[in-house]
Amino acid sequence: MHDVPPSGGTAERGTSDAGGRVSLRTRYARGHRDPASEPRQDCGVQGLAGSHFRLKGGRLLLGSRAHTPPWMGDLMADRDELVALVANPGGFLDNEDPILRRMATTALEDQSANFLFDTLVALLNDHETSVRAAAAEKLGVCGERSLAYLASAQGDNAAEVREAVATAYGELSNASAIPWLVEVGNDDQDRTVKEAAVAALGAIGSDEAIDPLLEFIAKGPPQVRRRAIAAITVFDDPRIEPAIQRAAFDRNPGVREAAEMVVGKQLANGS
């Protein structure tokens, strides 16, 4: 029987230097990446094979699957350590370095689907925010047995984990998550969590999400209105086009731009 993960600690999402810039190490630990470069994977089949590695001065430089972001340009790790992690990620799951634990979580191979699932569930208890978030997000490709454990992580104190839970629900496409996603879209204090919840409503694709998305377009904060416009385009409902047409005249330029991408700039010009 799996332990129910506690709500997470109060760890900050990152640390900044005196000038307010987030350190490279902190940003990598957060797991920033381009969602478009992250193809959906079956449970246990997502590793670091898609990442690219190159040597520089006898050390290994790690880049993302699709590109090397500017903030990662100087991120170096010991070559032997990274090679060992790719070869045996399970051996790094209890490493004292939270970045290596997070990388190991992402790199787990499909040696055993049950072993992988049990490992991800256990990692929801990790004291490091980024590791819990990585485990939660990867549970989104492990099927409906993940739902109970994702539900236990919904109340995590760390916004990064709640964001990952919302993303995982979108991957699972299970309508049972819609009430929580709507609640988060309305009430969560973190903007990125709200956006992830709204995006997940579209990814789930259930008609139950249409009314909440229309409400978000009409009354949500700007980032939620913008995200809801993109999310609702997967549905077929006669109320959707008029809602997006109205959004093309929204007071917020970002929302107008999102609507114009759907219905065309001529509507915003009144033609």
Foldseek 3Di string as FASTA:
>chain_A
DFDQAAAADQDDQADADPVRHGALVSVVLLVDDDVVLDDDDAQFAFACPLWDWDDDPQWIQTAGNPGRDPSSPPPTDHRVVVVVCLVPLVVCCPPPDSSSNLNSLRHGHPPDSVVNLSSLLVQCNPNDPSSVLSSLLSVLNHEPVCVVNLVSHCNHNDLSNVLSSLNSLLSRLDCVCLVVLLCCLPDPPDPSSNLSSLLSLLSSPDPVSQVSLLVCLVDNPPSSVLSSLVSNVSDDDVVNLVSLLVQCCDPDPSSVVSSCVPVNNVSNVVD
